[in-house]
């Protein structure tokens, strides 16, 4: 989610969205299924594998904000990281 100036302020949580019955979704405010960026762990662009794994261990979660300085440049989904580390393993995505 972005604010009126176009700055990222929150991430929509796919698990929260999936938990909302389809018939309720048109009336649900997006912030009800989002997490503020201040509560999402961040990883800098170019972080090495050790740094990524340490962040995942100390801040378990489904999403990690990827930053370049103050800018949000991406989102790392833990399922994607798991697929990269164990490509032959099936995931629930």
N, C-alpha and C. Protein backbone atom coordinates (compact mmCIF):
# COMPACT_ATOMS: atom_id res chain seq x y z
N UNK A 1 0.85 -1.17 0.00
CA UNK A 1 0.00 0.00 0.00
C UNK A 1 0.89 1.23 0.00
N UNK A 2 0.44 2.28 -0.65
CA UNK A 2 1.18 3.54 -0.66
C UNK A 2 0.29 4.65 -0.13
N UNK A 3 0.96 5.71 0.37
CA UNK A 3 0.19 6.86 0.84
C UNK A 3 -0.10 7.78 -0.34
N UNK A 4 -0.70 8.93 -0.06
CA UNK A 4 -1.09 9.85 -1.13
C UNK A 4 0.09 10.42 -1.90
N UNK A 5 1.29 10.34 -1.32
CA UNK A 5 2.50 10.81 -2.01
C UNK A 5 3.19 9.68 -2.76
N UNK A 6 2.62 8.49 -2.71
CA UNK A 6 3.20 7.36 -3.41
C UNK A 6 4.27 6.61 -2.64
N UNK A 7 4.42 6.92 -1.35
CA UNK A 7 5.41 6.24 -0.52
C UNK A 7 4.81 4.95 0.04
N UNK A 8 5.55 3.84 -0.03
CA UNK A 8 5.06 2.59 0.56
C UNK A 8 4.89 2.74 2.07
N UNK A 9 3.75 2.27 2.58
CA UNK A 9 3.48 2.36 4.02
C UNK A 9 3.07 1.03 4.64
N UNK A 10 2.65 0.07 3.82
CA UNK A 10 2.19 -1.21 4.35
C UNK A 10 2.25 -2.29 3.28
N UNK A 11 2.23 -3.53 3.74
CA UNK A 11 2.17 -4.69 2.84
C UNK A 11 0.87 -5.44 3.09
N UNK A 12 0.21 -5.81 2.02
CA UNK A 12 -0.97 -6.66 2.15
C UNK A 12 -0.49 -8.07 2.47
N UNK A 13 -1.10 -8.68 3.46
CA UNK A 13 -0.73 -10.02 3.90
C UNK A 13 -1.63 -11.04 3.19
N UNK A 14 -1.05 -11.83 2.28
CA UNK A 14 -1.86 -12.78 1.52
C UNK A 14 -2.63 -13.76 2.40
N UNK A 15 -2.07 -14.17 3.53
CA UNK A 15 -2.77 -15.09 4.43
C UNK A 15 -4.01 -14.43 5.03
N UNK A 16 -3.90 -13.15 5.37
CA UNK A 16 -5.06 -12.44 5.91
C UNK A 16 -6.14 -12.29 4.85
N UNK A 17 -5.73 -12.01 3.61
CA UNK A 17 -6.70 -11.89 2.52
C UNK A 17 -7.42 -13.22 2.32
N UNK A 18 -6.67 -14.30 2.30
CA UNK A 18 -7.26 -15.63 2.08
C UNK A 18 -8.25 -16.01 3.18
N UNK A 19 -8.05 -15.46 4.37
CA UNK A 19 -8.93 -15.79 5.50
C UNK A 19 -10.27 -15.05 5.43
N UNK A 20 -10.38 -14.05 4.58
CA UNK A 20 -11.62 -13.29 4.46
C UNK A 20 -12.54 -13.99 3.46
N UNK A 21 -13.76 -14.29 3.85
CA UNK A 21 -14.70 -14.93 2.92
C UNK A 21 -14.89 -14.05 1.67
N UNK A 22 -14.91 -14.65 0.50
CA UNK A 22 -15.03 -13.88 -0.75
C UNK A 22 -16.19 -12.89 -0.76
N UNK A 23 -17.31 -13.26 -0.16
CA UNK A 23 -18.47 -12.36 -0.17
C UNK A 23 -18.27 -11.12 0.70
N UNK A 24 -17.29 -11.14 1.61
CA UNK A 24 -17.01 -9.97 2.46
C UNK A 24 -15.95 -9.05 1.87
N UNK A 25 -15.15 -9.55 0.95
CA UNK A 25 -14.00 -8.80 0.43
C UNK A 25 -14.35 -7.43 -0.16
N UNK A 26 -15.46 -7.29 -0.90
CA UNK A 26 -15.75 -5.96 -1.46
C UNK A 26 -15.97 -4.87 -0.40
N UNK A 27 -16.31 -5.25 0.83
CA UNK A 27 -16.61 -4.27 1.87
C UNK A 27 -15.50 -4.16 2.91
N UNK A 28 -14.42 -4.85 2.70
CA UNK A 28 -13.33 -4.85 3.67
C UNK A 28 -12.29 -3.79 3.31
N UNK A 29 -11.91 -2.97 4.28
CA UNK A 29 -10.86 -1.98 4.05
C UNK A 29 -9.52 -2.69 3.90
N UNK A 30 -8.71 -2.24 2.96
CA UNK A 30 -7.44 -2.91 2.68
C UNK A 30 -6.52 -2.91 3.90
N UNK A 31 -6.61 -1.89 4.75
CA UNK A 31 -5.73 -1.86 5.92
C UNK A 31 -6.08 -2.96 6.94
N UNK A 32 -7.25 -3.59 6.79
CA UNK A 32 -7.61 -4.69 7.68
C UNK A 32 -6.82 -5.96 7.37
N UNK A 33 -6.22 -6.02 6.20
CA UNK A 33 -5.44 -7.20 5.80
C UNK A 33 -3.99 -6.83 5.47
N UNK A 34 -3.54 -5.71 6.03
CA UNK A 34 -2.18 -5.23 5.76
C UNK A 34 -1.40 -5.06 7.05
N UNK A 35 -0.08 -5.04 6.90
CA UNK A 35 0.82 -4.78 8.03
C UNK A 35 1.64 -3.53 7.69
N UNK A 36 1.75 -2.63 8.65
CA UNK A 36 2.57 -1.44 8.46
C UNK A 36 4.02 -1.83 8.23
N UNK A 37 4.72 -1.08 7.40
CA UNK A 37 6.12 -1.40 7.11
C UNK A 37 6.99 -1.39 8.35
N UNK A 38 6.60 -0.63 9.36
CA UNK A 38 7.40 -0.59 10.59
C UNK A 38 7.36 -1.92 11.33
N UNK A 39 6.40 -2.80 10.99
CA UNK A 39 6.33 -4.11 11.65
C UNK A 39 6.83 -5.25 10.77
N UNK A 40 7.37 -4.91 9.59
CA UNK A 40 7.88 -5.93 8.66
C UNK A 40 9.41 -5.86 8.67
N UNK A 41 10.08 -6.99 8.91
CA UNK A 41 11.55 -6.98 8.90
C UNK A 41 12.08 -6.52 7.54
N UNK A 42 13.22 -5.84 7.57
CA UNK A 42 13.82 -5.31 6.34
C UNK A 42 15.18 -5.94 6.08
N UNK A 43 15.47 -6.09 4.80
CA UNK A 43 16.77 -6.57 4.34
C UNK A 43 17.29 -5.59 3.31
N UNK A 44 18.56 -5.21 3.39
CA UNK A 44 19.10 -4.32 2.38
C UNK A 44 19.37 -5.06 1.07
N UNK A 45 19.23 -4.37 -0.04
CA UNK A 45 19.62 -4.93 -1.34
C UNK A 45 21.07 -5.37 -1.23
N UNK A 46 21.39 -6.50 -1.78
CA UNK A 46 22.77 -6.98 -1.75
C UNK A 46 23.15 -7.73 -0.49
N UNK A 47 22.20 -7.95 0.41
CA UNK A 47 22.51 -8.71 1.63
C UNK A 47 22.99 -10.10 1.22
N UNK A 48 24.04 -10.57 1.88
CA UNK A 48 24.53 -11.91 1.56
C UNK A 48 23.65 -12.97 2.21
N UNK A 49 23.86 -14.23 1.83
CA UNK A 49 23.05 -15.32 2.33
C UNK A 49 23.04 -15.43 3.83
N UNK A 50 24.19 -15.21 4.44
CA UNK A 50 24.28 -15.29 5.91
C UNK A 50 23.38 -14.25 6.56
N UNK A 51 23.40 -13.04 6.04
CA UNK A 51 22.56 -11.96 6.59
C UNK A 51 21.08 -12.28 6.40
N UNK A 52 20.72 -12.80 5.23
CA UNK A 52 19.32 -13.15 4.97
C UNK A 52 18.86 -14.23 5.95
N UNK A 53 19.65 -15.29 6.10
CA UNK A 53 19.27 -16.37 7.00
C UNK A 53 19.20 -15.92 8.45
N UNK A 54 20.11 -15.06 8.86
CA UNK A 54 20.08 -14.54 10.24
C UNK A 54 18.81 -13.72 10.46
N UNK A 55 18.43 -12.90 9.49
CA UNK A 55 17.21 -12.11 9.61
C UNK A 55 15.99 -13.01 9.69
N UNK A 56 15.95 -14.04 8.86
CA UNK A 56 14.82 -14.98 8.88
C UNK A 56 14.75 -15.71 10.22
N UNK A 57 15.90 -16.08 10.76
CA UNK A 57 15.92 -16.78 12.06
C UNK A 57 15.46 -15.87 13.20
N UNK A 58 15.92 -14.63 13.20
CA UNK A 58 15.60 -13.74 14.32
C UNK A 58 14.25 -13.04 14.18
N UNK A 59 13.74 -12.97 12.96
CA UNK A 59 12.44 -12.32 12.70
C UNK A 59 11.60 -13.21 11.79
N UNK A 60 11.12 -14.35 12.30
CA UNK A 60 10.34 -15.24 11.44
C UNK A 60 9.10 -14.54 10.90
N UNK A 61 8.83 -14.73 9.65
CA UNK A 61 7.66 -14.12 9.03
C UNK A 61 7.50 -14.60 7.61
N UNK A 62 6.44 -14.17 6.96
CA UNK A 62 6.17 -14.59 5.59
C UNK A 62 6.73 -13.62 4.57
N UNK A 63 6.95 -12.35 4.99
CA UNK A 63 7.41 -11.32 4.06
C UNK A 63 8.51 -10.50 4.70
N UNK A 64 9.44 -10.03 3.85
CA UNK A 64 10.53 -9.17 4.27
C UNK A 64 10.65 -8.04 3.25
N UNK A 65 10.73 -6.81 3.72
CA UNK A 65 10.89 -5.67 2.84
C UNK A 65 12.35 -5.59 2.42
N UNK A 66 12.58 -5.40 1.13
CA UNK A 66 13.94 -5.21 0.60
C UNK A 66 14.13 -3.72 0.36
N UNK A 67 15.21 -3.17 0.93
CA UNK A 67 15.42 -1.73 0.87
C UNK A 67 16.75 -1.36 0.22
N UNK A 68 16.75 -0.17 -0.37
CA UNK A 68 17.97 0.47 -0.87
C UNK A 68 17.97 1.84 -0.22
N UNK A 69 18.73 1.98 0.86
CA UNK A 69 18.67 3.22 1.64
C UNK A 69 17.30 3.32 2.28
N UNK A 70 16.62 4.42 2.04
CA UNK A 70 15.27 4.63 2.59
C UNK A 70 14.17 4.11 1.68
N UNK A 71 14.53 3.67 0.49
CA UNK A 71 13.54 3.24 -0.50
C UNK A 71 13.22 1.75 -0.38
N UNK A 72 11.95 1.43 -0.47
CA UNK A 72 11.52 0.03 -0.56
C UNK A 72 11.59 -0.34 -2.04
N UNK A 73 12.38 -1.39 -2.34
CA UNK A 73 12.56 -1.79 -3.73
C UNK A 73 12.00 -3.17 -4.03
N UNK A 74 11.54 -3.86 -3.01
CA UNK A 74 10.98 -5.18 -3.25
C UNK A 74 10.49 -5.84 -1.98
N UNK A 75 9.96 -7.03 -2.16
CA UNK A 75 9.47 -7.84 -1.05
C UNK A 75 9.98 -9.26 -1.26
N UNK A 76 10.62 -9.80 -0.24
CA UNK A 76 11.05 -11.19 -0.27
C UNK A 76 9.99 -12.01 0.45
N UNK A 77 9.43 -12.98 -0.24
CA UNK A 77 8.46 -13.89 0.36
C UNK A 77 9.21 -15.13 0.82
N UNK A 78 8.98 -15.56 2.04
CA UNK A 78 9.70 -16.70 2.60
C UNK A 78 9.48 -17.95 1.74
N UNK A 79 8.33 -18.11 1.14
CA UNK A 79 8.07 -19.27 0.27
C UNK A 79 9.01 -19.25 -0.93
N UNK A 80 9.30 -18.07 -1.46
CA UNK A 80 10.23 -17.97 -2.59
C UNK A 80 11.64 -18.33 -2.15
N UNK A 81 12.03 -17.89 -0.96
CA UNK A 81 13.36 -18.23 -0.44
C UNK A 81 13.46 -19.74 -0.22
N UNK A 82 12.42 -20.34 0.34
CA UNK A 82 12.42 -21.79 0.56
C UNK A 82 12.53 -22.53 -0.76
N UNK A 83 11.84 -22.06 -1.78
CA UNK A 83 11.90 -22.70 -3.10
C UNK A 83 13.30 -22.57 -3.70
N UNK A 84 13.94 -21.45 -3.49
CA UNK A 84 15.30 -21.25 -3.98
C UNK A 84 16.28 -22.18 -3.28
N UNK A 85 16.12 -22.33 -1.97
CA UNK A 85 17.03 -23.16 -1.19
C UNK A 85 16.78 -24.66 -1.39
N UNK A 86 15.52 -25.03 -1.60
CA UNK A 86 15.16 -26.44 -1.79
C UNK A 86 14.22 -26.56 -2.99
N UNK A 87 14.76 -26.45 -4.21
CA UNK A 87 13.91 -26.39 -5.40
C UNK A 87 13.05 -27.63 -5.65
N UNK A 88 13.44 -28.79 -5.14
CA UNK A 88 12.67 -30.01 -5.38
C UNK A 88 11.57 -30.23 -4.35
N UNK A 89 11.56 -29.43 -3.31
CA UNK A 89 10.56 -29.58 -2.25
C UNK A 89 9.29 -28.84 -2.65
N UNK A 90 8.15 -29.46 -2.41
CA UNK A 90 6.87 -28.82 -2.72
C UNK A 90 6.51 -27.86 -1.60
N UNK A 91 5.95 -26.68 -1.99
CA UNK A 91 5.52 -25.70 -1.00
C UNK A 91 4.02 -25.50 -1.12
N UNK A 92 3.44 -24.91 -0.09
CA UNK A 92 1.99 -24.65 -0.06
C UNK A 92 1.69 -23.25 -0.54
N UNK A 93 2.09 -22.88 -1.74
CA UNK A 93 1.80 -21.54 -2.26
C UNK A 93 0.89 -21.61 -3.45
